Amino acid sequence: MRFMGIDVVIPVHDEQELLAGCLDSLEACAEATPVPVTVTVVLDSCTDDSEAIARGRARIVRSDARNVGAARAVGFDALSVPSSPDRSGQRWYATTDADSRVPPTWLADQLRLALDGADLVAGLVEVTDWSGWNPATRVRYLEGYRSGSEHRHIHGANIGISARAYRELGGFERLPVHEDVHLVHRAERAGLSVAWSTATPVTTSARRHSRTPGGFSGHLALTELDHTPPGHTASDTTARGHTRSGVTP
């Protein structure tokens, strides 16, 4: 099996502050990847300068869905359908988020796992700036985050999948949340090989105000509510481990 190239899709909704850093990291990553890399930015109902930042650095696709699952799907739908029906000469797909930065070997490590037989790679994320949260929230989050080889976290900021498998599964569902989780679970039910990678965590933002309701910041907010003082009522946290930005069994 060999891969002719990699297509990376980034859903973007008003990310003028962080998008350039994401694209910088992808350019460095592309230089360290043994096959050509194409980056597609999906401008989803953007009203800021995200387009100006992406222009000349990525292929631009537009969406007015204001929906992260739909934006990812639109980005991959805009790619050419692979011409090879078998495992030879195919393409690899990957996706991350505009508020994230990928390490230089992110795609090379995904390809290595693919060449070992993985149809889909689910990787980890890490947060380096916790300044918007109290220390207890950081501690509680890290206590519940498994970063070893037995992890089962699912992050839209760190997923790779063969083009063949993506098309067979029908791609990302047009969901406002959990589109990444649904894709991985469908892959498992279909009997595809899922690699739970620990090799190259993606650095992601821990900002308080997410572009996606129910995303990573919502997960952290629920984690913080677990520390609500006696006499106060915290919101239901039953979904705390099952968010767009990760699954903690």
Protein backbone atom coordinates (compact mmCIF):
# COMPACT_ATOMS: atom_id res chain seq x y z
CA MET A 1 0.00 0.00 0.00
CA ARG A 2 1.25 3.48 -0.78
CA PHE A 3 -0.13 6.97 -0.39
CA MET A 4 0.20 9.57 -3.10
CA GLY A 5 -0.65 12.56 -0.93
CA ILE A 6 -2.46 13.93 2.10
CA ASP A 7 -5.44 16.28 2.30
CA VAL A 8 -5.94 18.24 5.52
CA VAL A 9 -9.27 19.97 6.22
CA ILE A 10 -9.71 22.75 8.80
CA PRO A 11 -13.19 24.04 9.69
CA VAL A 12 -13.02 27.76 10.47
CA HIS A 13 -15.57 30.07 12.07
CA ASP A 14 -14.17 33.54 12.88
CA GLU A 15 -10.65 32.39 13.79
CA GLN A 16 -8.58 35.40 12.78
CA GLU A 17 -6.64 35.34 16.05
CA LEU A 18 -5.49 31.71 15.90
CA LEU A 19 -5.72 30.56 12.29
CA ALA A 20 -2.30 31.85 11.25
CA GLY A 21 -0.62 29.80 13.98
CA CYS A 22 -2.46 26.70 12.84
CA LEU A 23 -1.38 27.25 9.23
CA ASP A 24 2.22 27.95 10.32
CA SER A 25 2.31 24.58 12.10
CA LEU A 26 0.85 22.78 9.09
CA GLU A 27 3.43 24.29 6.77
CA ALA A 28 6.22 23.03 9.02
CA CYS A 29 4.49 19.67 9.18
CA ALA A 30 4.19 19.48 5.40
CA GLU A 31 7.94 20.02 5.07
CA ALA A 32 8.54 16.98 7.30
CA THR A 33 6.05 14.75 5.47
CA PRO A 34 7.29 12.39 2.73
CA VAL A 35 4.30 12.97 0.40
CA PRO A 36 2.64 16.18 -0.85
CA VAL A 37 0.21 17.86 1.56
CA THR A 38 -2.78 19.97 0.55
CA VAL A 39 -4.59 22.11 3.13
CA THR A 40 -8.25 23.11 2.73
CA VAL A 41 -9.78 25.80 4.95
CA VAL A 42 -13.56 25.72 5.19
CA LEU A 43 -14.80 29.23 5.97
CA ASP A 44 -18.01 28.53 7.84
CA SER A 45 -20.13 31.67 8.20
CA CYS A 46 -17.04 33.80 8.83
CA THR A 47 -17.47 37.52 9.44
CA ASP A 48 -13.88 38.37 10.38
CA ASP A 49 -10.53 38.35 8.54
CA SER A 50 -10.11 34.56 8.48
CA GLU A 51 -10.32 34.49 4.68
CA ALA A 52 -7.56 37.07 4.29
CA ILE A 53 -5.34 35.01 6.60
CA ALA A 54 -5.98 31.78 4.70
CA ARG A 55 -5.74 33.24 1.20
CA GLY A 56 -2.58 32.08 -0.54
CA ARG A 57 -1.81 29.55 2.18
CA ALA A 58 -4.65 27.08 1.73
CA ARG A 59 -7.41 26.05 -0.62
CA ILE A 60 -10.57 27.93 0.42
CA VAL A 61 -14.05 26.42 0.52
CA ARG A 62 -17.10 28.19 1.91
CA SER A 63 -20.02 27.02 3.99
CA ASP A 64 -22.91 28.84 5.61
CA ALA A 65 -24.00 25.94 7.83
CA ARG A 66 -22.50 27.31 11.07
CA ASN A 67 -21.97 23.68 11.98
CA VAL A 68 -18.59 22.04 12.56
CA GLY A 69 -19.63 18.61 11.31
CA ALA A 70 -21.06 20.09 8.14
CA ALA A 71 -17.94 22.21 7.64
CA ARG A 72 -15.64 19.20 7.89
CA ALA A 73 -17.89 17.27 5.51
CA VAL A 74 -17.98 20.16 3.01
CA GLY A 75 -14.19 20.32 3.05
CA PHE A 76 -13.74 16.64 2.28
CA ASP A 77 -16.61 16.61 -0.22
CA ALA A 78 -14.78 19.30 -2.17
CA LEU A 79 -11.81 16.98 -2.70
CA SER A 80 -11.49 14.79 -5.76
CA VAL A 81 -12.84 11.29 -5.19
CA PRO A 82 -9.89 8.85 -5.16
CA SER A 83 -9.63 7.04 -8.47
CA SER A 84 -8.08 3.87 -7.06
CA PRO A 85 -10.66 1.43 -5.65
CA ASP A 86 -8.06 -0.65 -3.83
CA ARG A 87 -5.38 0.14 -1.26
CA SER A 88 -2.69 1.13 -3.74
CA GLY A 89 -1.95 4.70 -4.67
CA GLN A 90 -4.60 6.21 -2.44
CA ARG A 91 -4.73 9.41 -0.45
CA TRP A 92 -4.77 10.00 3.27
CA TYR A 93 -7.15 12.47 4.88
CA ALA A 94 -6.56 14.37 8.13
CA THR A 95 -8.39 17.06 10.03
CA THR A 96 -7.55 19.49 12.79
CA ASP A 97 -9.05 22.67 14.24
CA ALA A 98 -8.19 26.31 13.59
CA ASP A 99 -7.39 26.93 17.27
CA SER A 100 -4.84 24.09 17.30
CA ARG A 101 -1.23 23.56 16.28
CA VAL A 102 0.07 20.28 14.95
CA PRO A 103 3.61 19.00 15.62
CA PRO A 104 6.04 18.63 12.69
CA THR A 105 5.76 14.82 12.52
CA TRP A 106 1.94 14.73 12.89
CA LEU A 107 1.23 13.53 9.37
CA ALA A 108 4.35 11.39 9.00
CA ASP A 109 3.35 9.48 12.13
CA GLN A 110 -0.18 8.98 10.81
CA LEU A 111 1.23 7.60 7.57
CA ARG A 112 3.46 5.23 9.51
CA LEU A 113 0.45 3.82 11.33
CA ALA A 114 -1.48 3.61 8.06
CA LEU A 115 1.33 1.63 6.45
CA ASP A 116 1.13 -0.72 9.44
CA GLY A 117 -2.53 -1.33 8.62
CA ALA A 118 -4.51 1.41 10.32
CA ASP A 119 -7.57 2.68 8.46
CA LEU A 120 -8.13 5.50 10.97
CA VAL A 121 -5.84 7.21 13.48
CA ALA A 122 -7.24 8.89 16.60
CA GLY A 123 -4.68 11.01 18.43
CA LEU A 124 -4.38 13.01 21.61
CA VAL A 125 -4.43 16.74 22.37
CA GLU A 126 -2.62 18.78 24.96
CA VAL A 127 -3.19 22.22 26.44
CA THR A 128 -0.25 24.50 27.18
CA ASP A 129 -2.13 27.65 28.24
CA TRP A 130 -4.53 27.24 31.15
CA SER A 131 -4.61 30.94 32.06
CA GLY A 132 -8.37 31.20 31.59
CA TRP A 133 -9.18 28.50 34.13
CA ASN A 134 -8.64 27.95 37.81
CA PRO A 135 -5.90 25.48 38.83
CA ALA A 136 -8.42 22.93 40.13
CA THR A 137 -10.04 22.67 36.69
CA ARG A 138 -6.68 21.91 35.09
CA VAL A 139 -5.87 19.27 37.71
CA ARG A 140 -9.25 17.59 37.40
CA TYR A 141 -9.08 17.54 33.61
CA LEU A 142 -5.60 16.02 33.60
CA GLU A 143 -6.60 13.44 36.20
CA GLY A 144 -9.34 12.19 33.89
CA TYR A 145 -7.33 12.30 30.68
CA ARG A 146 -5.63 9.06 29.72
CA SER A 147 -2.57 9.78 27.61
CA GLY A 148 -1.23 6.22 27.40
CA SER A 149 -1.64 3.61 24.70
CA GLU A 150 -5.00 2.49 26.13
CA HIS A 151 -6.60 5.88 25.59
CA ARG A 152 -9.90 6.12 23.76
CA HIS A 153 -10.06 9.88 23.33
CA ILE A 154 -11.53 11.24 20.12
CA HIS A 155 -10.64 14.75 19.01
CA GLY A 156 -11.61 16.51 15.82
CA ALA A 157 -8.26 18.30 16.15
CA ASN A 158 -6.33 15.04 15.69
CA ILE A 159 -7.88 12.51 13.32
CA GLY A 160 -6.52 10.84 10.20
CA ILE A 161 -8.29 8.37 7.92
CA SER A 162 -7.64 6.78 4.56
CA ALA A 163 -9.66 8.33 1.74
CA ARG A 164 -11.01 4.87 0.92
CA ALA A 165 -12.27 4.30 4.48
CA TYR A 166 -13.70 7.81 4.70
CA ARG A 167 -15.77 7.32 1.55
CA GLU A 168 -16.89 3.85 2.59
CA LEU A 169 -18.17 5.24 5.90
CA GLY A 170 -19.98 8.12 4.26
CA GLY A 171 -17.74 10.78 5.79
CA PHE A 172 -18.46 13.17 8.63
CA GLU A 173 -22.08 13.56 9.58
CA ARG A 174 -23.41 17.11 9.49
CA LEU A 175 -23.70 17.35 13.27
CA PRO A 176 -23.13 20.46 15.41
CA VAL A 177 -21.24 18.31 17.92
CA HIS A 178 -19.76 14.77 18.18
CA GLU A 179 -19.20 14.41 14.43
CA ASP A 180 -15.70 13.08 15.15
CA VAL A 181 -16.98 10.60 17.73
CA HIS A 182 -19.63 9.28 15.35
CA LEU A 183 -17.08 8.76 12.57
CA VAL A 184 -14.72 6.74 14.77
CA HIS A 185 -17.52 4.65 16.25
CA ARG A 186 -18.85 3.89 12.75
CA ALA A 187 -15.35 2.80 11.73
CA GLU A 188 -15.18 0.44 14.70
CA ARG A 189 -18.61 -1.04 13.94
CA ALA A 190 -17.56 -1.54 10.32
CA GLY A 191 -14.57 -3.57 11.47
CA LEU A 192 -11.97 -1.08 10.29
CA SER A 193 -8.62 -0.86 12.03
CA VAL A 194 -8.45 2.12 14.42
CA ALA A 195 -5.03 3.12 15.80
CA TRP A 196 -5.18 5.00 19.10
CA SER A 197 -2.05 7.07 18.68
CA THR A 198 0.03 8.66 21.44
CA ALA A 199 2.87 9.74 19.15
CA THR A 200 2.03 13.33 18.24
CA PRO A 201 -0.44 15.20 20.46
CA VAL A 202 -1.90 18.33 18.91
CA THR A 203 -1.72 21.50 20.97
CA THR A 204 -5.19 22.99 21.30
CA SER A 205 -6.73 26.10 22.81
CA ALA A 206 -8.41 26.09 26.22
CA ARG A 207 -10.23 29.35 25.62
CA ARG A 208 -13.44 29.85 27.56
CA HIS A 209 -15.59 30.87 24.62
CA SER A 210 -15.74 28.11 22.03
CA ARG A 211 -16.69 28.58 18.40
CA THR A 212 -18.62 25.32 18.74
CA PRO A 213 -21.29 24.94 21.44
CA GLY A 214 -20.55 21.77 23.37
CA GLY A 215 -16.91 21.77 22.27
CA PHE A 216 -13.73 21.62 24.30
CA SER A 217 -14.42 24.78 26.31
CA GLY A 218 -17.85 23.40 27.20
CA HIS A 219 -16.18 20.23 28.42
CA LEU A 220 -13.83 22.29 30.59
CA ALA A 221 -16.73 24.37 31.90
CA LEU A 222 -18.48 21.21 33.06
CA THR A 223 -15.23 20.05 34.64
CA GLU A 224 -15.05 23.37 36.50
CA LEU A 225 -18.66 23.01 37.63
CA ASP A 226 -17.69 19.77 39.35
CA HIS A 227 -15.99 22.06 41.86
CA THR A 228 -19.12 24.04 42.59
CA PRO A 229 -19.11 24.96 46.31
CA PRO A 230 -21.64 23.27 48.64
CA GLY A 231 -25.08 24.81 48.32
CA HIS A 232 -24.71 25.44 44.59
CA THR A 233 -26.03 23.20 41.82
CA ALA A 234 -23.77 22.14 39.00
CA SER A 235 -25.11 21.33 35.56
CA ASP A 236 -25.58 17.73 34.53
CA THR A 237 -22.14 16.30 33.76
CA THR A 238 -23.13 12.92 32.41
CA ALA A 239 -21.92 13.89 28.95
CA ARG A 240 -18.66 15.36 30.25
CA GLY A 241 -16.58 12.52 28.88
CA HIS A 242 -18.31 12.47 25.49
CA THR A 243 -17.75 15.75 23.73
CA ARG A 244 -16.71 16.95 20.31
CA SER A 245 -13.22 17.26 21.69
CA GLY A 246 -12.86 13.91 23.30
CA VAL A 247 -14.18 10.74 24.81
CA THR A 248 -13.11 9.64 28.24
CA PRO A 249 -14.44 6.20 29.07
